[in-house]
Protein backbone atom coordinates (compact mmCIF):
# COMPACT_ATOMS: atom_id res chain seq x y z
CA MET A 1 45.70 64.25 -41.30
CA SER A 2 44.79 63.25 -44.87
CA ALA A 3 41.51 64.28 -46.43
CA SER A 4 40.27 60.69 -46.31
CA MET A 5 40.98 60.43 -42.58
CA GLY A 6 39.03 63.60 -41.88
CA THR A 7 36.06 62.31 -43.87
CA GLY A 8 36.03 59.04 -41.94
CA ILE A 9 36.26 60.67 -38.52
CA LEU A 10 33.42 63.10 -39.28
CA ALA A 11 31.27 60.31 -40.65
CA LEU A 12 31.67 58.29 -37.49
CA ALA A 13 30.93 61.09 -35.05
CA ALA A 14 27.46 59.69 -34.48
CA GLY A 15 28.82 56.22 -33.82
CA LEU A 16 31.22 57.51 -31.20
CA SER A 17 28.64 59.65 -29.41
CA MET A 18 28.93 57.58 -26.23
CA LEU A 19 32.68 58.04 -25.99
CA SER A 20 32.22 61.29 -24.06
CA THR A 21 35.80 61.62 -22.80
CA PRO A 22 38.06 62.75 -25.68
CA LEU A 23 40.13 59.95 -27.19
CA MET A 24 43.90 60.24 -27.06
CA ALA A 25 45.77 60.11 -30.36
CA GLY A 26 46.78 56.49 -29.77
CA ASP A 27 43.47 55.15 -28.44
CA TRP A 28 42.00 52.30 -30.47
CA PRO A 29 38.55 51.71 -28.92
CA GLU A 30 36.88 49.33 -31.38
CA PHE A 31 37.47 47.13 -34.41
CA ARG A 32 39.45 49.20 -36.94
CA GLY A 33 40.20 52.05 -34.57
CA PRO A 34 38.76 55.40 -33.47
CA ALA A 35 36.91 56.11 -36.73
CA ALA A 36 36.37 52.43 -37.61
CA MET A 37 38.33 53.01 -40.83
CA GLY A 38 41.64 51.32 -40.04
CA GLN A 39 43.47 54.64 -39.65
CA SER A 40 45.41 56.21 -36.79
CA THR A 41 47.11 59.53 -36.09
CA ALA A 42 49.76 57.72 -34.01
CA ARG A 43 53.38 58.49 -34.77
CA ASN A 44 56.85 56.91 -34.34
CA LEU A 45 55.64 53.46 -35.32
CA PRO A 46 58.06 50.63 -36.01
CA VAL A 47 58.86 49.63 -39.58
CA THR A 48 60.85 46.45 -38.89
CA TRP A 49 60.49 43.73 -36.26
CA SER A 50 61.02 40.03 -35.61
CA PRO A 51 60.49 37.63 -32.67
CA THR A 52 63.59 39.16 -31.05
CA ASN A 53 63.77 42.64 -32.59
CA HIS A 54 61.65 45.61 -31.46
CA VAL A 55 59.54 43.41 -29.17
CA VAL A 56 58.80 45.62 -26.15
CA TRP A 57 56.92 42.76 -24.50
CA LYS A 58 55.27 39.47 -25.37
CA GLN A 59 52.43 38.26 -23.14
CA PRO A 60 50.86 34.76 -23.29
CA ILE A 61 47.09 34.89 -23.76
CA PRO A 62 45.11 31.99 -22.29
CA GLY A 63 42.68 30.06 -24.46
CA ALA A 64 41.95 30.92 -28.07
CA GLY A 65 40.36 33.84 -29.87
CA TRP A 66 40.71 36.11 -32.85
CA SER A 67 39.13 39.21 -31.36
CA SER A 68 41.42 42.13 -32.10
CA PRO A 69 42.89 44.10 -29.18
CA VAL A 70 41.33 47.43 -28.26
CA LEU A 71 43.10 50.20 -26.36
CA ARG A 72 42.08 53.11 -24.17
CA SER A 73 43.96 55.14 -21.56
CA GLY A 74 46.92 52.78 -21.39
CA ARG A 75 44.97 49.52 -21.13
CA ILE A 76 44.49 46.73 -23.66
CA TYR A 77 41.28 44.64 -23.69
CA LEU A 78 40.69 41.25 -25.32
CA THR A 79 38.30 38.32 -25.24
CA THR A 80 39.19 34.63 -25.24
CA ALA A 81 37.61 31.17 -25.17
CA ILE A 82 39.20 28.64 -22.82
CA GLN A 83 38.66 24.92 -23.37
CA LYS A 84 37.54 23.14 -20.18
CA ALA A 85 38.89 19.73 -19.28
CA SER A 86 35.35 18.49 -18.80
CA GLY A 87 34.32 19.78 -22.25
CA GLY A 88 32.77 23.06 -23.27
CA LEU A 89 34.22 26.53 -23.02
CA THR A 90 34.73 29.41 -20.63
CA LEU A 91 34.33 32.76 -22.37
CA GLN A 92 36.33 35.58 -20.80
CA ALA A 93 37.32 39.22 -21.09
CA LEU A 94 40.74 40.34 -19.91
CA ALA A 95 42.71 43.56 -19.48
CA LEU A 96 46.45 44.18 -19.73
CA ASP A 97 48.68 47.14 -18.98
CA ALA A 98 49.70 48.51 -22.38
CA VAL A 99 53.11 49.68 -21.10
CA THR A 100 54.24 46.51 -19.33
CA GLY A 101 52.00 43.77 -20.74
CA LYS A 102 51.02 42.70 -17.22
CA GLN A 103 47.57 41.12 -17.02
CA LEU A 104 45.40 43.28 -14.75
CA TRP A 105 42.24 41.19 -14.54
CA GLU A 106 40.19 38.50 -16.19
CA THR A 107 36.43 38.01 -15.92
CA THR A 108 34.37 34.99 -16.95
CA LEU A 109 31.23 36.03 -18.80
CA PHE A 110 29.75 32.75 -20.01
CA ASP A 111 30.28 29.03 -19.46
CA THR A 112 28.99 26.92 -22.31
CA ALA A 113 28.80 23.24 -23.22
CA ASP A 114 29.28 24.24 -26.88
CA ALA A 115 32.89 23.37 -27.60
CA GLY A 116 32.68 24.63 -31.17
CA ALA A 117 32.90 21.37 -33.11
CA SER A 118 31.66 23.11 -36.27
CA ILE A 119 33.99 26.10 -35.97
CA HIS A 120 35.79 27.11 -39.16
CA SER A 121 39.59 27.03 -38.95
CA LYS A 122 39.63 30.82 -39.49
CA ASN A 123 37.03 31.50 -36.81
CA GLY A 124 36.38 30.80 -33.14
CA GLN A 125 34.09 31.40 -30.18
CA ALA A 126 35.88 34.65 -29.29
CA SER A 127 36.25 36.36 -32.66
CA PRO A 128 34.18 39.57 -32.22
CA THR A 129 36.24 42.56 -31.07
CA PRO A 130 35.17 44.47 -27.91
CA ILE A 131 34.31 48.17 -27.64
CA VAL A 132 35.80 50.27 -24.84
CA THR A 133 34.47 53.67 -23.71
CA GLU A 134 35.50 55.93 -20.83
CA ASP A 135 33.78 53.65 -18.29
CA ARG A 136 32.55 50.49 -20.02
CA LEU A 137 33.82 47.48 -21.92
CA TYR A 138 31.26 45.87 -24.22
CA VAL A 139 31.95 42.31 -25.33
CA HIS A 140 30.08 40.07 -27.73
CA PHE A 141 30.27 36.31 -28.20
CA GLY A 142 27.69 35.86 -30.97
CA HIS A 143 25.03 33.28 -30.11
CA HIS A 144 26.50 32.79 -26.62
CA GLY A 145 25.61 36.34 -25.57
CA SER A 146 26.86 39.85 -24.94
CA ALA A 147 27.94 41.68 -21.79
CA ALA A 148 29.06 45.00 -20.37
CA LEU A 149 31.75 45.40 -17.72
CA ASP A 150 33.23 48.36 -15.91
CA LEU A 151 36.94 48.90 -16.48
CA THR A 152 37.89 47.04 -13.31
CA GLY A 153 36.37 43.86 -14.76
CA LYS A 154 33.09 43.91 -12.80
CA VAL A 155 30.08 42.69 -14.77
CA VAL A 156 27.40 45.37 -15.29
CA TRP A 157 25.03 43.17 -17.31
CA ARG A 158 24.88 39.94 -19.28
CA GLN A 159 22.47 39.18 -22.10
CA ASP A 160 22.03 35.70 -23.61
CA SER A 161 18.45 35.77 -24.86
CA VAL A 162 19.36 36.53 -28.51
CA ARG A 163 19.60 32.95 -29.72
CA TYR A 164 20.34 31.58 -33.18
CA THR A 165 22.19 28.73 -34.90
CA PRO A 166 25.63 29.90 -36.00
CA VAL A 167 27.55 28.69 -39.03
CA HIS A 168 31.35 28.38 -38.64
CA GLY A 169 31.39 30.29 -35.32
CA ASN A 170 31.13 33.96 -34.40
CA GLY A 171 32.73 36.80 -36.29
CA GLY A 172 31.06 40.17 -36.62
CA SER A 173 31.73 42.76 -33.93
CA PRO A 174 29.11 45.15 -32.54
CA VAL A 175 28.89 48.91 -33.01
CA LEU A 176 27.86 51.47 -30.38
CA VAL A 177 25.59 54.36 -31.38
CA ASP A 178 23.35 56.64 -29.32
CA GLY A 179 23.05 54.30 -26.35
CA LEU A 180 22.57 51.14 -28.43
CA LEU A 181 24.85 48.14 -28.99
CA ILE A 182 24.00 46.93 -32.50
CA PHE A 183 25.14 43.73 -34.21
CA GLY A 184 24.19 41.31 -36.96
CA VAL A 185 22.59 37.96 -36.16
CA ASP A 186 23.36 36.18 -39.42
CA GLY A 187 23.36 32.44 -38.78
CA ALA A 188 21.90 29.45 -40.55
CA SER A 189 18.43 30.99 -40.82
CA GLU A 190 16.31 34.03 -39.93
CA PRO A 191 19.07 36.68 -40.27
CA ARG A 192 18.42 39.97 -38.50
CA LEU A 193 19.97 43.08 -36.99
CA VAL A 194 19.63 43.47 -33.21
CA ALA A 195 19.99 46.47 -30.90
CA LEU A 196 20.59 46.15 -27.16
CA ASP A 197 20.25 48.98 -24.66
CA ALA A 198 23.84 49.75 -23.67
CA LYS A 199 22.74 50.56 -20.10
CA ASP A 200 21.09 47.24 -19.21
CA GLY A 201 21.46 44.87 -22.17
CA LYS A 202 17.73 44.60 -22.89
CA VAL A 203 16.67 44.11 -26.50
CA ARG A 204 15.40 47.40 -27.91
CA TRP A 205 14.60 46.20 -31.42
CA GLU A 206 15.18 43.38 -33.91
CA THR A 207 14.82 43.80 -37.67
CA PRO A 208 14.62 40.73 -39.96
CA ARG A 209 16.75 40.75 -43.09
CA GLU A 210 15.04 39.48 -46.23
CA THR A 211 17.38 39.08 -49.20
CA PRO A 212 17.52 36.69 -52.18
CA ALA A 213 20.70 34.94 -50.96
CA LYS A 214 20.26 31.23 -50.29
CA ARG A 215 23.09 31.05 -47.75
CA LYS A 216 22.07 33.29 -44.86
CA PHE A 217 25.22 33.40 -42.73
CA SER A 218 27.61 36.37 -42.61
CA PHE A 219 30.08 37.97 -40.18
CA CYS A 220 30.22 41.66 -41.03
CA THR A 221 30.71 44.45 -38.48
CA PRO A 222 28.31 47.37 -39.09
CA LEU A 223 29.50 50.89 -39.82
CA VAL A 224 27.79 54.05 -38.55
CA ILE A 225 27.68 56.90 -41.05
CA GLU A 226 25.97 60.26 -41.30
CA SER A 227 23.71 60.63 -44.31
CA GLU A 228 21.45 63.58 -45.03
CA GLY A 229 21.99 64.82 -41.48
CA LYS A 230 21.03 61.57 -39.78
CA ALA A 231 22.93 58.59 -38.42
CA LEU A 232 22.60 55.35 -40.36
CA VAL A 233 23.89 51.89 -39.53
CA VAL A 234 25.25 50.24 -42.67
CA SER A 235 25.26 46.47 -42.21
CA PRO A 236 26.29 44.25 -45.17
CA ALA A 237 24.77 40.78 -45.02
CA SER A 238 24.22 37.82 -47.31
CA GLY A 239 22.76 39.13 -50.54
CA ALA A 240 22.77 42.86 -49.79
CA ALA A 241 24.28 45.84 -48.07
CA LEU A 242 21.55 47.44 -45.95
CA ALA A 243 21.24 50.75 -44.12
CA TYR A 244 19.09 51.16 -41.01
CA ASP A 245 17.76 53.92 -38.81
CA PRO A 246 19.43 53.14 -35.44
CA THR A 247 16.58 54.67 -33.42
CA ASN A 248 14.06 52.03 -34.47
CA GLY A 249 15.77 49.51 -36.75
CA ARG A 250 13.81 50.54 -39.85
CA GLU A 251 15.53 49.62 -43.12
CA VAL A 252 16.20 52.79 -45.11
CA TRP A 253 17.94 51.53 -48.25
CA ARG A 254 19.61 48.46 -49.71
CA VAL A 255 22.02 47.51 -52.49
CA LEU A 256 21.67 43.94 -53.73
CA TYR A 257 24.69 41.87 -54.78
CA GLY A 258 23.25 38.48 -55.71
CA GLU A 259 24.25 35.34 -53.85
CA GLY A 260 27.18 36.86 -51.94
CA TYR A 261 27.35 35.30 -48.47
CA SER A 262 29.73 34.93 -45.52
CA VAL A 263 30.40 38.66 -45.83
CA VAL A 264 33.24 39.75 -43.52
CA PRO A 265 35.01 43.03 -44.49
CA ARG A 266 33.78 46.08 -42.59
CA PRO A 267 32.64 48.85 -44.96
CA VAL A 268 34.76 51.95 -45.49
CA LEU A 269 33.42 55.45 -46.16
CA ALA A 270 35.54 58.00 -48.01
CA ARG A 271 35.25 60.54 -50.81
CA GLY A 272 31.45 60.34 -50.64
CA LEU A 273 31.39 56.60 -51.31
CA LEU A 274 30.85 53.45 -49.25
CA PHE A 275 33.16 50.59 -50.19
CA VAL A 276 31.65 47.15 -49.59
CA ALA A 277 32.82 43.65 -50.52
CA SER A 278 30.11 41.13 -51.35
CA GLY A 279 31.49 37.90 -49.84
CA TYR A 280 31.85 34.33 -51.09
CA ASP A 281 32.09 32.62 -53.53
CA ARG A 282 33.29 35.43 -55.78
CA PRO A 283 33.85 38.69 -53.92
CA ILE A 284 33.07 41.91 -55.76
CA LEU A 285 33.91 45.41 -54.56
CA HIS A 286 30.98 47.83 -54.68
CA ALA A 287 31.38 51.60 -54.46
CA ILE A 288 28.02 52.89 -53.24
CA ARG A 289 26.73 56.46 -53.00
CA PRO A 290 24.96 56.43 -49.62
CA GLY A 291 21.44 57.81 -49.62
CA GLY A 292 18.03 57.25 -51.10
CA GLN A 293 15.17 55.02 -50.05
CA GLY A 294 14.38 51.38 -50.74
CA ASP A 295 16.28 49.35 -53.35
CA VAL A 296 18.92 51.73 -54.75
CA THR A 297 20.98 49.08 -56.56
CA ALA A 298 20.34 50.55 -60.00
CA SER A 299 20.87 54.17 -59.01
CA HIS A 300 23.53 54.34 -56.28
CA VAL A 301 26.31 51.93 -57.33
CA ALA A 302 29.14 54.07 -58.72
CA TRP A 303 31.38 51.18 -59.80
CA THR A 304 32.19 47.52 -59.14
CA LEU A 305 35.41 45.51 -59.35
CA ALA A 306 35.96 41.78 -59.00
CA LYS A 307 39.72 41.43 -59.51
CA GLY A 308 41.57 41.32 -56.19
CA ALA A 309 38.51 41.88 -53.99
CA PRO A 310 38.79 40.54 -50.42
CA ASN A 311 36.66 37.90 -48.77
CA THR A 312 37.95 38.71 -45.27
CA PRO A 313 40.34 41.69 -44.77
CA SER A 314 38.78 45.16 -44.49
CA MET A 315 40.03 47.93 -46.77
CA VAL A 316 41.44 51.41 -46.19
CA VAL A 317 41.37 54.67 -48.16
CA VAL A 318 44.29 57.11 -48.16
CA ASP A 319 43.83 60.31 -50.18
CA ASP A 320 42.35 59.19 -53.52
CA LEU A 321 43.35 55.51 -53.39
CA LEU A 322 41.50 52.53 -51.96
CA TYR A 323 43.82 49.76 -50.73
CA CYS A 324 42.72 46.15 -50.32
CA VAL A 325 44.27 42.71 -50.07
CA SER A 326 42.62 39.50 -51.20
CA ASP A 327 42.58 36.44 -48.98
CA ALA A 328 45.16 34.93 -51.34
CA GLY A 329 47.58 37.81 -50.70
CA ILE A 330 47.14 40.07 -53.73
CA ALA A 331 47.38 43.70 -52.58
CA SER A 332 45.87 46.40 -54.80
CA ALA A 333 45.70 50.17 -55.02
CA ILE A 334 42.51 51.36 -56.71
CA GLU A 335 41.33 54.82 -57.66
CA ALA A 336 38.51 55.32 -55.17
CA ASP A 337 36.46 57.55 -57.45
CA ASN A 338 36.25 55.23 -60.45
CA GLY A 339 37.58 51.74 -59.61
CA LYS A 340 40.65 51.88 -61.86
CA VAL A 341 43.41 49.56 -60.62
CA VAL A 342 46.66 51.50 -60.17
CA TRP A 343 48.80 48.58 -59.06
CA SER A 344 48.37 44.99 -57.93
CA GLU A 345 51.14 42.99 -56.25
CA ARG A 346 51.42 39.60 -54.57
CA LEU A 347 52.59 39.97 -50.95
CA GLY A 348 52.70 36.27 -50.13
CA GLY A 349 50.62 34.01 -47.91
CA ASP A 350 46.95 34.02 -47.00
CA PHE A 351 45.30 37.03 -45.35
CA SER A 352 42.51 37.64 -42.83
CA SER A 353 43.73 40.70 -40.87
CA SER A 354 42.51 44.12 -41.94
CA ILE A 355 44.82 46.80 -43.33
CA VAL A 356 46.01 49.66 -41.10
CA TYR A 357 47.22 53.07 -42.25
CA ALA A 358 49.32 54.99 -39.71
CA ASP A 359 52.42 57.18 -39.59
CA GLY A 360 52.41 57.49 -43.38
CA ARG A 361 52.55 53.73 -43.99
CA LEU A 362 50.26 50.81 -44.82
CA TYR A 363 50.48 47.75 -42.56
CA PHE A 364 49.39 44.32 -43.80
CA GLN A 365 49.55 41.08 -41.78
CA ASN A 366 49.24 37.58 -43.23
CA GLU A 367 47.95 34.48 -41.45
CA ALA A 368 51.43 33.02 -40.98
CA GLY A 369 52.48 36.03 -38.90
CA VAL A 370 54.32 38.04 -41.53
CA GLY A 371 53.78 41.79 -41.43
CA PHE A 372 54.28 43.79 -44.65
CA VAL A 373 54.93 47.53 -44.50
CA VAL A 374 54.11 49.35 -47.72
CA LYS A 375 54.47 52.98 -48.75
CA PRO A 376 51.14 54.35 -49.99
CA GLY A 377 51.09 55.83 -53.45
CA ARG A 378 50.80 55.12 -57.15
CA GLN A 379 53.95 53.01 -57.25
CA PHE A 380 54.18 49.86 -55.16
CA GLU A 381 57.03 50.12 -52.65
CA LEU A 382 57.58 47.44 -50.01
CA LEU A 383 59.39 48.96 -47.03
CA ALA A 384 59.75 45.87 -44.85
CA LYS A 385 58.72 42.26 -44.37
CA ASN A 386 58.57 41.15 -40.73
CA ASP A 387 57.99 37.57 -39.59
CA LEU A 388 56.74 36.78 -36.06
CA ALA A 389 56.44 33.09 -36.99
CA GLU A 390 53.06 32.71 -35.24
CA ARG A 391 49.62 32.31 -36.79
CA THR A 392 47.83 35.67 -36.89
CA LEU A 393 44.26 36.41 -37.95
CA ALA A 394 43.44 39.35 -35.64
CA SER A 395 43.95 42.95 -36.75
CA TYR A 396 46.35 45.44 -35.17
CA ALA A 397 45.68 47.99 -32.47
CA VAL A 398 47.83 51.12 -32.75
CA ASP A 399 49.27 53.55 -30.20
CA ASP A 400 51.95 56.22 -30.42
CA GLY A 401 55.17 54.29 -30.85
CA ALA A 402 53.54 50.86 -30.76
CA LEU A 403 51.72 48.17 -32.69
CA PHE A 404 49.77 45.55 -30.71
CA ILE A 405 49.62 42.23 -32.56
CA ARG A 406 47.62 39.24 -31.37
CA THR A 407 48.85 35.82 -32.46
CA ALA A 408 47.49 32.37 -31.70
CA ALA A 409 49.25 32.27 -28.33
CA HIS A 410 50.49 35.78 -27.47
CA LEU A 411 49.88 39.50 -27.54
CA TYR A 412 52.92 41.48 -28.71
CA ARG A 413 53.79 45.11 -28.21
CA ILE A 414 56.05 46.03 -31.11
CA GLY A 415 57.89 49.35 -30.70
CA GLN A 416 60.95 51.33 -31.63
């Protein structure tokens, strides 16, 4: 395990407090994996693949959705939105056997007349990624609602009282911390952070976000960190990255970044710094020293970098280097401590999927379905370029010996 991986896992201990049964090495229980940092201890992963090479199985997925697959104890979980002939959508969760690809169950959570006419081409009504624990699956469909199921697909609770007007669809995934399911409600107006009781779905608190940004909508998944001995929920939004006390929703500190909006990349914590991208129209990377009270913009920003910053894909840190890829396909290695660019290379294509580091390699996936495998380090080295020839915006799930890749129509298990 690299030093950066250890830092991330320790930082997220509070966020994983409800996952009481120990995770297996290959489990991938939420967006960006067991420590929410895009890293895995899985081994024997494939380096090359194609539509006919190293495909263990390929399973059609009904409907449409860009939620990333999550994995626990040999089962894969996804969400999807199915267009009804009469108009509107059926929003579902489904489970598959990770070994065979066989669908085990599907459960309808919400029926809606909202067919998503204003959905952005890179978004959908089933974009947020679920969270799976030892006995629960938590799913989130933005303004349509949230739900909890047991692992046989039985609904434990539904919650659809948190209403707002979305812009471009739903994107940000929830985070689970100390019995609370927490997510951003960043639509056309009145942005806020919301916490539901994980046991029954009731609203425990809502905290308005007040920032200078004119465009209020964003899609960022929060990150739970430990700071000064306490858990904090870091939730970038339009205009600012904000940290909250999860017990009551109180804002603890903020870093302002101007008019940045439609913020997507999940923050990364490593080497004592939080790495945050500020969103459209001109993304800027911010390295933030977590801590303090109130507006810490002037005192806690270690460095910033505009060149090559992502609008959509989340970043990853390996040892002393931060890796990112811009939406236009420029991959960069940056010294995490000071923001110096070590290398910058064009991979090709447009990117939305987040970077994964596993088995000593970096995995990138572009929107056309091409996976790039890169050796981490101070010299750029492309190990493989693998084309599935299907549109792909979701991020990987990782298991020992396997990558799970969701495309527009299928879920693939790629293996040796």
